[in-house]
Amino acid sequence: MADSSFDIVSSVNLQEVKNSIAQAMKEIQTRFDLKGSHSSVELQGEEIAVASADEFKLKAVRDVLEERLVKRGVPLKALTWGGVDHALGGTVRQRITLQKGIPTDKAREIVKLIKGAKLKVQTAIQGDQLRVTGKKAQQKKYYRHTGFPGGIRETTFAVLHAKHPDRVLQKAVKGMLPKGPLGNAMLKKLKVYAGEAHPHNAQRPETLEL
């Protein structure tokens, strides 16, 4: 059975960013305090360009944009604000970089944290993301006793799943049920079959004429 794995990534939904900018521009165009300020918010590649008449109005535009981004589920931590530049005509501009990928120093920090947690997983840096892999199929073990001295037996998830895949689910459900007679009675109602074949027929409703 293949190892279980997942990726740790850092990315921004550009479509939600575009939606946020469109909504921000609608509000900016109706704001009385920003009237005639030539304020604008534009997506240029993977950067956002914000412009306005002065730094005070630029901050107001920035607040509107951030509010819209938050409502659209875009995390503000994914934004890196550049410095304020003075442009032609007395206007000011500011560029925002959208974070894409995990920086190398941050990736190493995450790897260190995972290792410090002493989890039975392996973490590898793959470009601008992390791959976390675990061998739970081999590490997960089930135990039973034959009833005789020294009769304890163990098997792994992979072996049990290959031989009796239905028992894997039964054991998982049993672990969630109450211990004792009540749990045993509930477990007897569980029917698990490996495959599509089973003895239970689907309901066949018939028309009842009154």
Protein backbone atom coordinates (compact mmCIF):
# COMPACT_ATOMS: atom_id res chain seq x y z
CA MET A 1 0.00 0.00 0.00
CA ALA A 2 1.33 3.43 -0.90
CA ASP A 3 2.49 5.79 1.82
CA SER A 4 0.14 8.55 2.93
CA SER A 5 1.30 12.06 2.10
CA PHE A 6 0.18 15.65 1.85
CA ASP A 7 1.71 18.91 0.68
CA ILE A 8 2.19 22.15 2.57
CA VAL A 9 1.79 25.01 0.12
CA SER A 10 1.38 28.76 0.16
CA SER A 11 -0.67 30.25 -2.65
CA VAL A 12 -3.28 32.91 -3.29
CA ASN A 13 -6.49 32.44 -5.27
CA LEU A 14 -6.01 35.01 -8.04
CA GLN A 15 -9.68 34.84 -9.01
CA GLU A 16 -10.70 35.92 -5.51
CA VAL A 17 -8.08 38.68 -5.67
CA LYS A 18 -9.64 39.92 -8.93
CA ASN A 19 -13.10 39.81 -7.37
CA SER A 20 -11.84 41.76 -4.35
CA ILE A 21 -10.27 44.42 -6.57
CA ALA A 22 -13.47 44.79 -8.60
CA GLN A 23 -15.55 45.24 -5.44
CA ALA A 24 -13.00 47.65 -3.97
CA MET A 25 -13.08 49.81 -7.11
CA LYS A 26 -16.89 49.99 -6.99
CA GLU A 27 -16.74 51.29 -3.42
CA ILE A 28 -13.85 53.68 -4.17
CA GLN A 29 -15.79 55.26 -7.04
CA THR A 30 -18.76 55.98 -4.76
CA ARG A 31 -16.78 57.25 -1.76
CA PHE A 32 -17.22 61.02 -1.32
CA ASP A 33 -13.82 61.41 0.41
CA LEU A 34 -12.07 59.79 -2.58
CA LYS A 35 -13.92 61.77 -5.26
CA GLY A 36 -11.51 63.29 -7.78
CA SER A 37 -8.50 61.58 -6.21
CA HIS A 38 -7.84 59.40 -9.28
CA SER A 39 -7.59 56.41 -6.96
CA SER A 40 -7.12 53.03 -8.58
CA VAL A 41 -6.39 49.41 -7.75
CA GLU A 42 -5.04 47.18 -10.51
CA LEU A 43 -3.78 43.60 -10.72
CA GLN A 44 -0.57 43.53 -12.71
CA GLY A 45 0.65 39.98 -13.06
CA GLU A 46 1.13 38.72 -9.52
CA GLU A 47 1.28 42.21 -8.03
CA ILE A 48 -1.36 44.75 -7.08
CA ALA A 49 -0.76 48.42 -7.89
CA VAL A 50 -2.55 50.97 -5.70
CA ALA A 51 -2.58 54.69 -6.55
CA SER A 52 -4.20 57.84 -5.20
CA ALA A 53 -3.78 61.61 -4.89
CA ASP A 54 -1.83 61.61 -1.61
CA GLU A 55 -0.71 59.27 1.15
CA PHE A 56 -3.80 59.94 3.27
CA LYS A 57 -6.14 58.90 0.46
CA LEU A 58 -3.82 56.04 -0.44
CA LYS A 59 -4.28 54.64 3.06
CA ALA A 60 -8.06 54.89 2.66
CA VAL A 61 -7.85 52.96 -0.62
CA ARG A 62 -5.65 50.39 1.05
CA ASP A 63 -8.16 49.94 3.89
CA VAL A 64 -10.97 49.36 1.38
CA LEU A 65 -8.91 46.80 -0.50
CA GLU A 66 -7.90 44.92 2.65
CA GLU A 67 -11.51 44.79 3.82
CA ARG A 68 -12.62 43.30 0.51
CA LEU A 69 -9.77 40.80 0.46
CA VAL A 70 -10.66 39.56 3.94
CA LYS A 71 -14.32 39.13 2.97
CA ARG A 72 -13.28 37.10 -0.08
CA GLY A 73 -11.10 34.82 2.05
CA VAL A 74 -7.72 36.14 0.88
CA PRO A 75 -5.32 36.20 3.89
CA LEU A 76 -3.58 39.52 4.42
CA LYS A 77 -0.44 37.65 5.50
CA ALA A 78 -0.02 36.69 1.85
CA LEU A 79 0.50 40.36 0.96
CA THR A 80 3.84 42.15 1.08
CA TRP A 81 3.44 45.92 0.90
CA GLY A 82 6.17 47.87 -0.83
CA GLY A 83 7.18 51.44 -0.17
CA VAL A 84 5.15 54.49 -1.21
CA ASP A 85 6.47 56.09 -4.41
CA HIS A 86 5.67 59.55 -5.70
CA ALA A 87 4.51 59.50 -9.32
CA LEU A 88 3.82 62.13 -11.96
CA GLY A 89 1.08 64.66 -11.33
CA GLY A 90 1.63 64.65 -7.57
CA THR A 91 0.06 61.21 -7.11
CA VAL A 92 1.46 58.40 -5.00
CA ARG A 93 1.68 54.69 -5.75
CA GLN A 94 2.29 51.53 -3.81
CA ARG A 95 2.84 47.98 -5.03
CA ILE A 96 1.71 44.83 -3.26
CA THR A 97 3.44 41.52 -3.90
CA LEU A 98 1.32 38.37 -3.64
CA GLN A 99 3.21 35.63 -1.88
CA LYS A 100 3.53 32.46 -3.94
CA GLY A 101 5.30 29.47 -2.48
CA ILE A 102 7.11 28.98 0.82
CA PRO A 103 10.45 30.80 1.21
CA THR A 104 13.42 28.52 1.88
CA ASP A 105 14.07 29.88 5.37
CA LYS A 106 10.41 29.45 6.34
CA ALA A 107 10.36 25.93 4.85
CA ARG A 108 13.37 24.95 6.97
CA GLU A 109 11.64 26.35 10.03
CA ILE A 110 8.54 24.23 9.32
CA VAL A 111 10.69 21.11 8.86
CA LYS A 112 12.36 21.80 12.20
CA LEU A 113 8.98 22.17 13.94
CA ILE A 114 7.70 18.89 12.50
CA LYS A 115 10.84 17.05 13.56
CA GLY A 116 10.55 18.58 17.02
CA ALA A 117 7.03 17.18 17.34
CA LYS A 118 8.57 13.68 17.03
CA LEU A 119 5.96 12.54 14.55
CA LYS A 120 6.64 9.40 12.53
CA VAL A 121 6.73 11.27 9.24
CA GLN A 122 9.32 12.43 6.76
CA THR A 123 9.36 16.01 5.50
CA ALA A 124 11.06 17.08 2.28
CA ILE A 125 11.40 20.51 0.67
CA GLN A 126 10.25 20.35 -2.95
CA GLY A 127 10.83 23.68 -4.61
CA ASP A 128 8.48 26.19 -3.03
CA GLN A 129 6.41 23.63 -1.10
CA LEU A 130 6.81 20.83 1.45
CA ARG A 131 5.88 17.16 1.12
CA VAL A 132 5.04 15.30 4.35
CA THR A 133 4.98 11.51 4.07
CA GLY A 134 4.04 8.90 6.64
CA LYS A 135 4.13 5.10 6.58
CA LYS A 136 1.06 4.55 8.71
CA ALA A 137 0.07 1.50 6.65
CA GLN A 138 3.12 -0.27 8.07
CA GLN A 139 3.25 1.48 11.45
CA LYS A 140 -0.41 0.99 12.36
CA LYS A 141 -0.69 -2.34 14.18
CA TYR A 142 -3.55 -4.45 15.50
CA TYR A 143 -3.21 -6.93 18.36
CA ARG A 144 -5.22 -9.98 19.35
CA HIS A 145 -4.76 -12.86 21.80
CA THR A 146 -5.39 -16.54 21.12
CA GLY A 147 -6.27 -17.23 24.75
CA PHE A 148 -3.20 -19.34 25.35
CA PRO A 149 0.01 -18.35 27.21
CA GLY A 150 2.21 -16.29 24.95
CA GLY A 151 -0.56 -16.18 22.38
CA ILE A 152 -0.48 -12.47 21.57
CA ARG A 153 -0.49 -11.81 17.83
CA GLU A 154 0.02 -8.63 15.87
CA THR A 155 -0.59 -7.56 12.28
CA THR A 156 -0.16 -4.31 10.37
CA PHE A 157 -2.82 -2.25 8.65
CA ALA A 158 -1.39 -3.15 5.23
CA VAL A 159 -1.58 -6.91 5.86
CA LEU A 160 -5.07 -6.78 7.37
CA HIS A 161 -6.36 -4.55 4.59
CA ALA A 162 -5.02 -6.94 1.95
CA LYS A 163 -6.54 -10.04 3.57
CA HIS A 164 -9.72 -8.73 5.18
CA PRO A 165 -10.49 -5.13 4.12
CA ASP A 166 -13.88 -5.28 5.87
CA ARG A 167 -12.23 -5.85 9.26
CA VAL A 168 -10.29 -2.60 8.98
CA LEU A 169 -13.52 -0.61 8.96
CA GLN A 170 -15.05 -2.78 11.69
CA LYS A 171 -12.11 -2.13 14.00
CA ALA A 172 -12.24 1.61 13.24
CA VAL A 173 -15.95 1.77 14.11
CA LYS A 174 -15.47 -0.36 17.20
CA GLY A 175 -12.91 2.12 18.51
CA MET A 176 -15.51 4.90 18.33
CA LEU A 177 -18.25 3.00 20.15
CA PRO A 178 -18.77 2.84 23.94
CA LYS A 179 -16.93 0.08 25.77
CA GLY A 180 -18.98 -2.75 27.25
CA PRO A 181 -22.28 -4.48 26.44
CA LEU A 182 -23.82 -1.39 24.83
CA GLY A 183 -20.95 -1.01 22.37
CA ASN A 184 -21.01 -4.73 21.55
CA ALA A 185 -24.74 -4.58 20.86
CA MET A 186 -24.28 -1.56 18.58
CA LEU A 187 -21.42 -3.23 16.73
CA LYS A 188 -23.59 -6.24 15.88
CA LYS A 189 -25.78 -3.94 13.81
CA LEU A 190 -22.83 -2.97 11.61
CA LYS A 191 -22.71 -4.77 8.26
CA VAL A 192 -19.53 -4.38 6.20
CA TYR A 193 -18.85 -6.16 2.92
CA ALA A 194 -15.67 -6.21 0.84
CA GLY A 195 -16.96 -5.42 -2.62
CA GLU A 196 -20.32 -4.65 -4.20
CA ALA A 197 -21.96 -8.03 -3.50
CA HIS A 198 -24.16 -8.23 -0.40
CA PRO A 199 -27.35 -10.10 0.61
CA HIS A 200 -29.42 -6.99 1.26
CA ASN A 201 -31.96 -6.12 -1.40
CA ALA A 202 -32.84 -2.53 -2.09
CA GLN A 203 -36.31 -1.33 -1.19
CA ARG A 204 -38.86 -2.02 -3.88
CA PRO A 205 -41.85 0.28 -3.26
CA GLU A 206 -45.14 -0.78 -4.77
CA THR A 207 -48.06 1.43 -5.75
CA LEU A 208 -50.92 1.25 -3.29
CA GLU A 209 -54.27 2.11 -4.80
CA LEU A 210 -56.86 3.60 -2.45
